[in-house]
Amino acid sequence: MNDNDNQILPEMNSLWQETLNWQPTAEQQQQFQQLYRLILIGNKKLNLTRITTPEDFWEKHFWDSLRGIKFILENQINSQEEKKVIDIGTGAGFPGLPVAITLPQYTVTLLDSTRKKINFIETILADLAIKNCFTLTNRIEQIGRIFKHREIYDFALLRAVAPTIVCAEYALPMLKIGGMGILYRGNFTTEEQVNLQKVVKILGGKIHTIEEFKTPLSQSIRHCIYLQKVNKTPINYPRPVGVPTQKPLNCLNKF
C-alpha cells in the first residue's frame, strides 16, 4: 500500500457511544490518529501488525482494546481514582496505549520481552506526550517473582499472548487482592472454561465474568474473560521462564 502512513483513522463517535457508552475527546481522537500514523511508520521496520487499513485498525486495535475496559469507561465519569495497570506482552502497545490515552488518571506499565518493541513504544510515548505510561523489558515469569511488581496492580491486561490458562498464570500473581485480570480472546470453549476454573482457584482467583460479543464492523466473535483476585497467589507462581507454556497447569495432574 502506498503512503499508508498518511491514512486517516475514522472517528466513529456514534459507534463508540452505542457500543461502549463512551466516546473519545477531540484530544484523545487526535492521539489515536497520531498513534495510528506512528504504528504504520514503525511497521515498515518492525513488523508490528498485519492490520493497517483505517477501519480494520480502528476495530481490531482501538475498539477491541477499549472493549475490555468497558466497565471502567461506563463508571469513570465521577471517578478520578488512580489505579495501576499492567499490559503483559504489549507488543505494539495494544491494549495498553489506548487504555493509557483513555484513562489518564491510571498508571499503565507496558511489559514486553522484545527490546526493539519497547524501544519503539518509548518513542511513541515521547511523541504523544503520554505521561502515565512506563515500560518494562522482561519476561512476565521473571517480573512476577520480583517483590516490587508482584501483587501491586489493580488490572492486568493480556491480549493475544498465550492460551487462556497460561494467561491466568501470568496475570494473577501480579494482581493485588480485589484486582482484575482481563483476558482478550477470540474463541473460548466450554472445555477451556472448565480448565480455567480449576487453574484460577490454584492461583488465588476466580472467574468473575465471561463476556461474548461481536465486533461492530466485521461482526467477529470475541470474548473477554475477567478474573478476580480473591486470595494471595502461592509464591511458586508464575513458574520459571517457558514452563507455563510448555507445561500448562491443567497438564500437571493437579486436579
C-alpha atoms as a PDB file:
ATOM      1  CA  MET A   1       0.000   0.000   0.000  1.00  0.00           C
ATOM      2  CA  ASN A   2       1.489   3.364  -0.991  1.00  0.00           C
ATOM      3  CA  ASP A   3       1.972   6.101   1.545  1.00  0.00           C
ATOM      4  CA  ASN A   4      -0.322   4.395   4.031  1.00  0.00           C
ATOM      5  CA  ASP A   5       1.160   6.358   6.923  1.00  0.00           C
ATOM      6  CA  ASN A   6      -0.978   9.330   5.761  1.00  0.00           C
ATOM      7  CA  GLN A   7      -4.254   7.462   6.187  1.00  0.00           C
ATOM      8  CA  ILE A   8      -6.962   8.919   8.385  1.00  0.00           C
ATOM      9  CA  LEU A   9      -8.458   6.912  11.224  1.00  0.00           C
ATOM     10  CA  PRO A  10     -12.286   7.063  11.239  1.00  0.00           C
ATOM     11  CA  GLU A  11     -13.779   8.959  14.199  1.00  0.00           C
ATOM     12  CA  MET A  12     -16.717   6.596  14.801  1.00  0.00           C
ATOM     13  CA  ASN A  13     -18.105   8.708  17.639  1.00  0.00           C
ATOM     14  CA  SER A  14     -21.650   7.341  17.349  1.00  0.00           C
ATOM     15  CA  LEU A  15     -20.333   3.761  17.236  1.00  0.00           C
ATOM     16  CA  TRP A  16     -18.164   4.357  20.301  1.00  0.00           C
ATOM     17  CA  GLN A  17     -21.238   5.691  22.082  1.00  0.00           C
ATOM     18  CA  GLU A  18     -23.539   2.857  21.010  1.00  0.00           C
ATOM     19  CA  THR A  19     -21.126   0.050  21.875  1.00  0.00           C
ATOM     20  CA  LEU A  20     -19.150   1.353  24.878  1.00  0.00           C
ATOM     21  CA  ASN A  21     -21.378   4.176  26.164  1.00  0.00           C
ATOM     22  CA  TRP A  22     -18.329   6.411  25.748  1.00  0.00           C
ATOM     23  CA  GLN A  23     -16.538   8.421  23.105  1.00  0.00           C
ATOM     24  CA  PRO A  24     -13.088   9.984  22.894  1.00  0.00           C
ATOM     25  CA  THR A  25     -12.492  13.680  23.415  1.00  0.00           C
ATOM     26  CA  ALA A  26     -11.096  15.658  20.498  1.00  0.00           C
ATOM     27  CA  GLU A  27      -7.650  15.436  22.110  1.00  0.00           C
ATOM     28  CA  GLN A  28      -7.902  11.659  22.540  1.00  0.00           C
ATOM     29  CA  GLN A  29      -9.081  11.277  18.946  1.00  0.00           C
ATOM     30  CA  GLN A  30      -6.027  13.236  17.819  1.00  0.00           C
ATOM     31  CA  GLN A  31      -3.762  10.990  19.907  1.00  0.00           C
ATOM     32  CA  PHE A  32      -5.402   7.892  18.382  1.00  0.00           C
ATOM     33  CA  GLN A  33      -4.725   9.290  14.909  1.00  0.00           C
ATOM     34  CA  GLN A  34      -1.093  10.068  15.754  1.00  0.00           C
ATOM     35  CA  LEU A  35      -0.648   6.623  17.290  1.00  0.00           C
ATOM     36  CA  TYR A  36      -2.073   5.013  14.147  1.00  0.00           C
ATOM     37  CA  ARG A  37       0.322   7.021  11.968  1.00  0.00           C
ATOM     38  CA  LEU A  38       3.349   6.154  14.112  1.00  0.00           C
ATOM     39  CA  ILE A  39       2.476   2.429  14.147  1.00  0.00           C
ATOM     40  CA  LEU A  40       2.224   2.426  10.338  1.00  0.00           C
ATOM     41  CA  ILE A  41       5.631   4.083  10.075  1.00  0.00           C
ATOM     42  CA  GLY A  42       7.184   1.708  12.637  1.00  0.00           C
ATOM     43  CA  ASN A  43       5.553  -1.242  10.920  1.00  0.00           C
ATOM     44  CA  LYS A  44       7.878  -0.841   7.925  1.00  0.00           C
ATOM     45  CA  LYS A  45      10.841  -1.827  10.084  1.00  0.00           C
ATOM     46  CA  LEU A  46       9.432  -3.858  12.963  1.00  0.00           C
ATOM     47  CA  ASN A  47       6.521  -5.888  11.556  1.00  0.00           C
ATOM     48  CA  LEU A  48       4.227  -4.740  14.367  1.00  0.00           C
ATOM     49  CA  THR A  49       0.845  -5.594  12.842  1.00  0.00           C
ATOM     50  CA  ARG A  50      -0.739  -7.001   9.685  1.00  0.00           C
ATOM     51  CA  ILE A  51      -3.786  -4.793  10.321  1.00  0.00           C
ATOM     52  CA  THR A  52      -3.173  -1.467   8.582  1.00  0.00           C
ATOM     53  CA  THR A  53      -6.325  -0.154   6.857  1.00  0.00           C
ATOM     54  CA  PRO A  54      -8.091   2.591   8.846  1.00  0.00           C
ATOM     55  CA  GLU A  55     -11.362   0.752   9.573  1.00  0.00           C
ATOM     56  CA  ASP A  56      -9.623  -2.518  10.443  1.00  0.00           C
ATOM     57  CA  PHE A  57      -7.155  -0.729  12.671  1.00  0.00           C
ATOM     58  CA  TRP A  58      -9.933   1.161  14.441  1.00  0.00           C
ATOM     59  CA  GLU A  59     -11.910  -2.021  15.112  1.00  0.00           C
ATOM     60  CA  LYS A  60      -9.197  -4.587  15.785  1.00  0.00           C
ATOM     61  CA  HIS A  61      -6.799  -2.378  17.743  1.00  0.00           C
ATOM     62  CA  PHE A  62      -8.565   0.661  19.216  1.00  0.00           C
ATOM     63  CA  TRP A  63     -12.118  -0.583  19.696  1.00  0.00           C
ATOM     64  CA  ASP A  64     -11.015  -4.083  20.727  1.00  0.00           C
ATOM     65  CA  SER A  65      -8.524  -2.673  23.259  1.00  0.00           C
ATOM     66  CA  LEU A  66     -11.140  -0.473  24.912  1.00  0.00           C
ATOM     67  CA  ARG A  67     -13.941  -3.047  24.810  1.00  0.00           C
ATOM     68  CA  GLY A  68     -12.037  -4.928  27.512  1.00  0.00           C
ATOM     69  CA  ILE A  69     -12.338  -1.964  29.873  1.00  0.00           C
ATOM     70  CA  LYS A  70     -15.935  -1.061  29.001  1.00  0.00           C
ATOM     71  CA  PHE A  71     -16.994  -1.428  32.636  1.00  0.00           C
ATOM     72  CA  ILE A  72     -14.367   1.170  33.647  1.00  0.00           C
ATOM     73  CA  LEU A  73     -15.341   3.624  30.896  1.00  0.00           C
ATOM     74  CA  GLU A  74     -19.004   3.418  31.887  1.00  0.00           C
ATOM     75  CA  ASN A  75     -18.225   4.227  35.525  1.00  0.00           C
ATOM     76  CA  GLN A  76     -15.410   6.735  35.240  1.00  0.00           C
ATOM     77  CA  ILE A  77     -17.484   9.933  34.989  1.00  0.00           C
ATOM     78  CA  ASN A  78     -17.229  10.695  38.713  1.00  0.00           C
ATOM     79  CA  SER A  79     -14.036   8.771  39.382  1.00  0.00           C
ATOM     80  CA  GLN A  80     -10.554  10.231  39.355  1.00  0.00           C
ATOM     81  CA  GLU A  81      -9.291   7.305  41.404  1.00  0.00           C
ATOM     82  CA  GLU A  82      -5.745   6.310  40.498  1.00  0.00           C
ATOM     83  CA  LYS A  83      -5.195   2.672  39.551  1.00  0.00           C
ATOM     84  CA  LYS A  84      -2.219   0.627  38.398  1.00  0.00           C
ATOM     85  CA  VAL A  85      -2.477  -1.352  35.162  1.00  0.00           C
ATOM     86  CA  ILE A  86      -0.001  -3.761  33.574  1.00  0.00           C
ATOM     87  CA  ASP A  87      -0.258  -4.791  29.919  1.00  0.00           C
ATOM     88  CA  ILE A  88       1.527  -8.145  29.731  1.00  0.00           C
ATOM     89  CA  GLY A  89       3.047  -8.875  26.311  1.00  0.00           C
ATOM     90  CA  THR A  90       2.100  -5.453  24.945  1.00  0.00           C
ATOM     91  CA  GLY A  91       3.735  -5.960  21.511  1.00  0.00           C
ATOM     92  CA  ALA A  92       2.990  -2.792  19.537  1.00  0.00           C
ATOM     93  CA  GLY A  93       1.277  -1.291  22.604  1.00  0.00           C
ATOM     94  CA  PHE A  94      -2.204  -2.801  22.500  1.00  0.00           C
ATOM     95  CA  PRO A  95      -4.308  -2.711  24.570  1.00  0.00           C
ATOM     96  CA  GLY A  96      -2.095  -0.667  26.921  1.00  0.00           C
ATOM     97  CA  LEU A  97      -1.560   2.512  24.870  1.00  0.00           C
ATOM     98  CA  PRO A  98      -5.257   3.139  24.080  1.00  0.00           C
ATOM     99  CA  VAL A  99      -6.063   2.424  27.741  1.00  0.00           C
ATOM    100  CA  ALA A 100      -3.424   4.935  28.886  1.00  0.00           C
ATOM    101  CA  ILE A 101      -4.749   7.592  26.490  1.00  0.00           C
ATOM    102  CA  THR A 102      -8.327   6.938  27.599  1.00  0.00           C
ATOM    103  CA  LEU A 103      -7.656   6.793  31.363  1.00  0.00           C
ATOM    104  CA  PRO A 104      -5.014   9.459  32.060  1.00  0.00           C
ATOM    105  CA  GLN A 105      -5.513   9.107  35.828  1.00  0.00           C
ATOM    106  CA  TYR A 106      -4.336   5.470  35.662  1.00  0.00           C
ATOM    107  CA  THR A 107      -0.686   4.399  35.609  1.00  0.00           C
ATOM    108  CA  VAL A 108      -0.070   1.877  32.816  1.00  0.00           C
ATOM    109  CA  THR A 109       3.012  -0.354  32.653  1.00  0.00           C
ATOM    110  CA  LEU A 110       3.759  -1.849  29.225  1.00  0.00           C
ATOM    111  CA  LEU A 111       5.680  -5.117  29.506  1.00  0.00           C
ATOM    112  CA  ASP A 112       7.299  -6.961  26.628  1.00  0.00           C
ATOM    113  CA  SER A 113      10.309  -9.233  26.322  1.00  0.00           C
ATOM    114  CA  THR A 114      11.371  -7.755  22.949  1.00  0.00           C
ATOM    115  CA  ARG A 115      13.678  -4.785  23.451  1.00  0.00           C
ATOM    116  CA  LYS A 116      13.093  -3.425  19.919  1.00  0.00           C
ATOM    117  CA  LYS A 117       9.350  -3.166  20.528  1.00  0.00           C
ATOM    118  CA  ILE A 118       9.833  -1.451  23.874  1.00  0.00           C
ATOM    119  CA  ASN A 119      12.302   0.995  22.293  1.00  0.00           C
ATOM    120  CA  PHE A 120       9.692   1.803  19.649  1.00  0.00           C
ATOM    121  CA  ILE A 121       6.951   2.268  22.267  1.00  0.00           C
ATOM    122  CA  GLU A 122       9.207   4.658  24.175  1.00  0.00           C
ATOM    123  CA  THR A 123       9.476   6.871  21.076  1.00  0.00           C
ATOM    124  CA  ILE A 124       5.659   6.849  20.823  1.00  0.00           C
ATOM    125  CA  LEU A 125       5.292   7.876  24.481  1.00  0.00           C
ATOM    126  CA  ALA A 126       7.623  10.807  23.842  1.00  0.00           C
ATOM    127  CA  ASP A 127       5.972  11.834  20.543  1.00  0.00           C
ATOM    128  CA  LEU A 128       2.451  11.703  22.010  1.00  0.00           C
ATOM    129  CA  ALA A 129       3.491  13.209  25.372  1.00  0.00           C
ATOM    130  CA  ILE A 130       1.887  10.308  27.250  1.00  0.00           C
ATOM    131  CA  LYS A 131       2.966  10.804  30.866  1.00  0.00           C
ATOM    132  CA  ASN A 132       1.112   7.967  32.611  1.00  0.00           C
ATOM    133  CA  CYS A 133       2.914   5.079  30.858  1.00  0.00           C
ATOM    134  CA  PHE A 134       6.034   3.180  31.857  1.00  0.00           C
ATOM    135  CA  THR A 135       7.864   0.411  30.014  1.00  0.00           C
ATOM    136  CA  LEU A 136       9.480  -2.818  31.164  1.00  0.00           C
ATOM    137  CA  THR A 137      11.611  -5.167  29.063  1.00  0.00           C
ATOM    138  CA  ASN A 138      11.462  -8.623  30.625  1.00  0.00           C
ATOM    139  CA  ARG A 139       9.612 -11.903  30.710  1.00  0.00           C
ATOM    140  CA  ILE A 140       6.476 -11.985  32.843  1.00  0.00           C
ATOM    141  CA  GLU A 141       7.712 -15.159  34.572  1.00  0.00           C
ATOM    142  CA  GLN A 142      10.635 -13.120  35.938  1.00  0.00           C
ATOM    143  CA  ILE A 143       8.742  -9.899  36.666  1.00  0.00           C
ATOM    144  CA  GLY A 144       6.088 -11.912  38.511  1.00  0.00           C
ATOM    145  CA  ARG A 145       8.700 -13.067  41.017  1.00  0.00           C
ATOM    146  CA  ILE A 146      10.083  -9.593  41.763  1.00  0.00           C
ATOM    147  CA  PHE A 147       8.655  -8.244  45.010  1.00  0.00           C
ATOM    148  CA  LYS A 148       8.189  -4.653  43.829  1.00  0.00           C
ATOM    149  CA  HIS A 149       5.967  -5.780  40.915  1.00  0.00           C
ATOM    150  CA  ARG A 150       4.161  -8.727  42.471  1.00  0.00           C
ATOM    151  CA  GLU A 151       0.583  -8.248  43.715  1.00  0.00           C
ATOM    152  CA  ILE A 152       0.574  -4.454  43.233  1.00  0.00           C
ATOM    153  CA  TYR A 153      -1.624  -3.992  40.159  1.00  0.00           C
ATOM    154  CA  ASP A 154      -5.360  -3.277  40.006  1.00  0.00           C
ATOM    155  CA  PHE A 155      -5.678  -4.589  36.439  1.00  0.00           C
ATOM    156  CA  ALA A 156      -3.613  -6.970  34.294  1.00  0.00           C
ATOM    157  CA  LEU A 157      -4.354  -6.978  30.551  1.00  0.00           C
ATOM    158  CA  LEU A 158      -3.397  -9.849  28.234  1.00  0.00           C
ATOM    159  CA  ARG A 159      -4.259  -9.785  24.543  1.00  0.00           C
ATOM    160  CA  ALA A 160      -3.084 -12.403  22.029  1.00  0.00           C
ATOM    161  CA  VAL A 161      -0.351 -13.605  24.378  1.00  0.00           C
ATOM    162  CA  ALA A 162      -0.882 -17.318  25.153  1.00  0.00           C
ATOM    163  CA  PRO A 163      -3.608 -19.912  25.847  1.00  0.00           C
ATOM    164  CA  THR A 164      -6.138 -18.846  28.474  1.00  0.00           C
ATOM    165  CA  ILE A 165      -4.794 -20.927  31.368  1.00  0.00           C
ATOM    166  CA  VAL A 166      -1.267 -19.680  30.678  1.00  0.00           C
ATOM    167  CA  CYS A 167      -2.536 -16.090  30.703  1.00  0.00           C
ATOM    168  CA  ALA A 168      -4.127 -16.757  34.103  1.00  0.00           C
ATOM    169  CA  GLU A 169      -0.757 -17.886  35.480  1.00  0.00           C
ATOM    170  CA  TYR A 170       0.826 -14.719  34.106  1.00  0.00           C
ATOM    171  CA  ALA A 171      -1.862 -12.323  35.343  1.00  0.00           C
ATOM    172  CA  LEU A 172      -2.928 -13.409  38.819  1.00  0.00           C
ATOM    173  CA  PRO A 173       0.483 -13.162  40.583  1.00  0.00           C
ATOM    174  CA  MET A 174       0.638  -9.503  39.507  1.00  0.00           C
ATOM    175  CA  LEU A 175      -2.723  -8.506  40.958  1.00  0.00           C
ATOM    176  CA  LYS A 176      -3.485  -7.178  44.405  1.00  0.00           C
ATOM    177  CA  ILE A 177      -6.422  -8.841  46.177  1.00  0.00           C
ATOM    178  CA  GLY A 178      -9.571  -7.444  44.597  1.00  0.00           C
ATOM    179  CA  GLY A 179      -7.714  -6.749  41.333  1.00  0.00           C
ATOM    180  CA  MET A 180      -8.914  -7.942  37.937  1.00  0.00           C
ATOM    181  CA  GLY A 181      -7.202  -9.814  35.132  1.00  0.00           C
ATOM    182  CA  ILE A 182      -8.698  -9.070  31.709  1.00  0.00           C
ATOM    183  CA  LEU A 183      -8.010 -11.724  29.077  1.00  0.00           C
ATOM    184  CA  TYR A 184      -8.843 -10.778  25.481  1.00  0.00           C
ATOM    185  CA  ARG A 185      -9.772 -13.849  23.434  1.00  0.00           C
ATOM    186  CA  GLY A 186     -11.246 -14.753  20.074  1.00  0.00           C
ATOM    187  CA  ASN A 187     -12.986 -18.067  20.614  1.00  0.00           C
ATOM    188  CA  PHE A 188     -13.413 -19.529  24.083  1.00  0.00           C
ATOM    189  CA  THR A 189     -14.779 -23.043  24.550  1.00  0.00           C
ATOM    190  CA  THR A 190     -16.668 -24.713  27.400  1.00  0.00           C
ATOM    191  CA  GLU A 191     -13.730 -27.091  27.843  1.00  0.00           C
ATOM    192  CA  GLU A 192     -11.370 -24.138  28.268  1.00  0.00           C
ATOM    193  CA  GLN A 193     -13.722 -22.697  30.875  1.00  0.00           C
ATOM    194  CA  VAL A 194     -13.691 -25.905  32.949  1.00  0.00           C
ATOM    195  CA  ASN A 195      -9.878 -25.995  32.922  1.00  0.00           C
ATOM    196  CA  LEU A 196      -9.656 -22.284  33.665  1.00  0.00           C
ATOM    197  CA  GLN A 197     -11.894 -22.508  36.732  1.00  0.00           C
ATOM    198  CA  LYS A 198      -9.593 -25.093  38.303  1.00  0.00           C
ATOM    199  CA  VAL A 199      -6.394 -23.278  37.392  1.00  0.00           C
ATOM    200  CA  VAL A 200      -7.607 -19.887  38.597  1.00  0.00           C
ATOM    201  CA  LYS A 201      -8.513 -21.317  42.002  1.00  0.00           C
ATOM    202  CA  ILE A 202      -4.937 -22.586  42.495  1.00  0.00           C
ATOM    203  CA  LEU A 203      -3.635 -19.113  41.609  1.00  0.00           C
ATOM    204  CA  GLY A 204      -5.793 -17.292  44.152  1.00  0.00           C
ATOM    205  CA  GLY A 205      -8.501 -16.126  41.780  1.00  0.00           C
ATOM    206  CA  LYS A 206     -11.987 -16.807  40.490  1.00  0.00           C
ATOM    207  CA  ILE A 207     -13.746 -16.284  37.180  1.00  0.00           C
ATOM    208  CA  HIS A 208     -15.709 -13.077  37.684  1.00  0.00           C
ATOM    209  CA  THR A 209     -17.387 -12.743  34.274  1.00  0.00           C
ATOM    210  CA  ILE A 210     -17.108 -14.073  30.738  1.00  0.00           C
ATOM    211  CA  GLU A 211     -18.466 -11.743  28.060  1.00  0.00           C
ATOM    212  CA  GLU A 212     -19.118 -12.843  24.494  1.00  0.00           C
ATOM    213  CA  PHE A 213     -19.745 -10.130  21.927  1.00  0.00           C
ATOM    214  CA  LYS A 214     -19.308  -9.226  18.260  1.00  0.00           C
ATOM    215  CA  THR A 215     -17.049  -6.526  16.891  1.00  0.00           C
ATOM    216  CA  PRO A 216     -19.075  -3.614  15.441  1.00  0.00           C
ATOM    217  CA  LEU A 217     -17.777  -3.583  11.845  1.00  0.00           C
ATOM    218  CA  SER A 218     -16.816  -7.143  10.882  1.00  0.00           C
ATOM    219  CA  GLN A 219     -19.175  -8.862  13.356  1.00  0.00           C
ATOM    220  CA  SER A 220     -16.347 -11.138  14.530  1.00  0.00           C
ATOM    221  CA  ILE A 221     -16.905 -13.087  17.742  1.00  0.00           C
ATOM    222  CA  ARG A 222     -14.771 -12.041  20.709  1.00  0.00           C
ATOM    223  CA  HIS A 223     -14.609 -12.894  24.388  1.00  0.00           C
ATOM    224  CA  CYS A 224     -13.343 -11.005  27.399  1.00  0.00           C
ATOM    225  CA  ILE A 225     -12.638 -13.123  30.461  1.00  0.00           C
ATOM    226  CA  TYR A 226     -12.460 -11.285  33.771  1.00  0.00           C
ATOM    227  CA  LEU A 227     -10.532 -12.994  36.567  1.00  0.00           C
ATOM    228  CA  GLN A 228     -10.795 -11.562  40.066  1.00  0.00           C
ATOM    229  CA  LYS A 229      -8.018 -11.972  42.631  1.00  0.00           C
ATOM    230  CA  VAL A 230      -9.516 -13.225  45.913  1.00  0.00           C
ATOM    231  CA  ASN A 231      -6.515 -14.741  47.739  1.00  0.00           C
ATOM    232  CA  LYS A 232      -2.736 -14.374  47.637  1.00  0.00           C
ATOM    233  CA  THR A 233      -1.069 -16.334  44.839  1.00  0.00           C
ATOM    234  CA  PRO A 234       1.262 -19.109  46.063  1.00  0.00           C
ATOM    235  CA  ILE A 235       4.870 -17.931  45.847  1.00  0.00           C
ATOM    236  CA  ASN A 236       5.872 -20.608  43.301  1.00  0.00           C
ATOM    237  CA  TYR A 237       3.714 -18.966  40.585  1.00  0.00           C
ATOM    238  CA  PRO A 238       4.429 -17.909  37.942  1.00  0.00           C
ATOM    239  CA  ARG A 239       6.757 -20.829  37.282  1.00  0.00           C
ATOM    240  CA  PRO A 240      10.153 -20.247  35.604  1.00  0.00           C
ATOM    241  CA  VAL A 241      10.514 -18.900  32.057  1.00  0.00           C
ATOM    242  CA  GLY A 242       8.970 -21.192  29.447  1.00  0.00           C
ATOM    243  CA  VAL A 243       7.372 -23.632  31.901  1.00  0.00           C
ATOM    244  CA  PRO A 244       3.817 -22.180  31.855  1.00  0.00           C
ATOM    245  CA  THR A 245       3.596 -22.589  28.069  1.00  0.00           C
ATOM    246  CA  GLN A 246       5.409 -25.956  27.911  1.00  0.00           C
ATOM    247  CA  LYS A 247       3.512 -27.483  30.839  1.00  0.00           C
ATOM    248  CA  PRO A 248       0.184 -25.671  31.247  1.00  0.00           C
ATOM    249  CA  LEU A 249      -1.266 -26.182  34.699  1.00  0.00           C
ATOM    250  CA  ASN A 250      -4.061 -28.497  33.547  1.00  0.00           C
ATOM    251  CA  CYS A 251      -1.339 -30.933  32.337  1.00  0.00           C
ATOM    252  CA  LEU A 252       0.244 -31.275  35.785  1.00  0.00           C
ATOM    253  CA  ASN A 253      -2.258 -33.811  37.146  1.00  0.00           C
ATOM    254  CA  LYS A 254      -3.198 -31.457  39.958  1.00  0.00           C
ATOM    255  CA  PHE A 255      -6.918 -31.988  39.530  1.00  0.00           C
END
